[in-house]
Amino acid sequence: MNVWRINLKTGGETPRKFCLENGIVAVGWPVDDNSAPLTWERYYDLAMEHYYNQGDRSWWPAVNALKNRMQIDDLVWTRDIQGVYYIGHITSDWRYEYESHFKKADMVNVRSCNWIKVGTVEAIPGKVVNSFIPARTVQKVADEQVRIYSMFIFNKLTSTDTYKIKELENPDIFSLLSSDDCEDILGLYLQKEKGYLLVPSSCKSDTMNYEYELRQKDTGDKAVVQVKNGWVDLHTDDYSNINSTVFLLTTKGQYLGDQQDNIHFVNPTEMEEFVFANIDILPDKIRNWTEILTELKNRTRPVPNKG
């Protein structure tokens, strides 16, 4: 099972709404042939002449992905113009649609798809959100975390067991979270437990040395954070010139260099404990990851012997 994202954005009439309401995942590139049913071989020949041979290089990657690379039971993400994300379960092979309303919407290369509303960006894995940045119409999201999350969220929202999530070896919360998720966790921790307040505009900064700034609500103390998820080491020398409190978090790496008064090493175990003790204040996507981890751990827990 693969995961895809599709930009339902063409020159036609309300293509996003059309696909979501009609239960399809689709792209355009129609051809001038009304002989139903149009075979793939006939469509390919006509489209090659009309699009590819005329210099349209976007036709083939999109149609090839929909027709040849996607498979029944794959999952696909899309979003509407309000920024609401949907996940779809592909339920049919490719077909070409002739009806006027398909042509009007410029959605003629079609697969049936069961769309489910997921929510806004805070409920969506960062790698799914970032996959919409490239301009291409259809793109595979090749990431195991996204794959697990997509299967879990579809099962959860449809109250089904459509997808079987495989067991992971020694799963922990940080093996499932993205770097953005870890930044959110540390930010929430510092605000709730240490009395810091986040400066929202600092999250947009292009600085390379830290993720965002905070201010301690009682003292006005300025703090910055740096977060690395995975086997990445953090060295105090890289932050010695920052004239503020520095919080460093690496989830699996080491803290290197001499301890300095203004630089604090955050314990990943403490962050994991904070996550599970404060589920209600977490973003939806992190809450979902905690459910996934609990499910995986319960599945691998040994069953007591009756004796």
Foldseek 3Di string as FASTA:
>chain_A
DFEKEFEQDDPFDQSVVVCQVVQKDFAFQDFPDDPPFDDPVNRVVRSCVVAVVVPNPLVCVVLCCQAPVDDQQYKYWYAHPVQWIKIKGFHAHWGFDDDPVCVRRRGGTITGINIDTQGHDLQAAPLNVVVVPDPRGMDTSPDPLNVQLSQLSVCVRVVHNSDDDDADDPDDLLVNHDQVQVVQLVQVCCVPPVQKAWDVVQCVDPDPLFRGWIARPPPRFIETEHEARDADEAECVSVVPPPGAYEYEYQRYYYHYDDDPRYHYDDNVVSSVSCVVPVPPGRNNSNSSVVSVVVSVVVPDDDDDPD
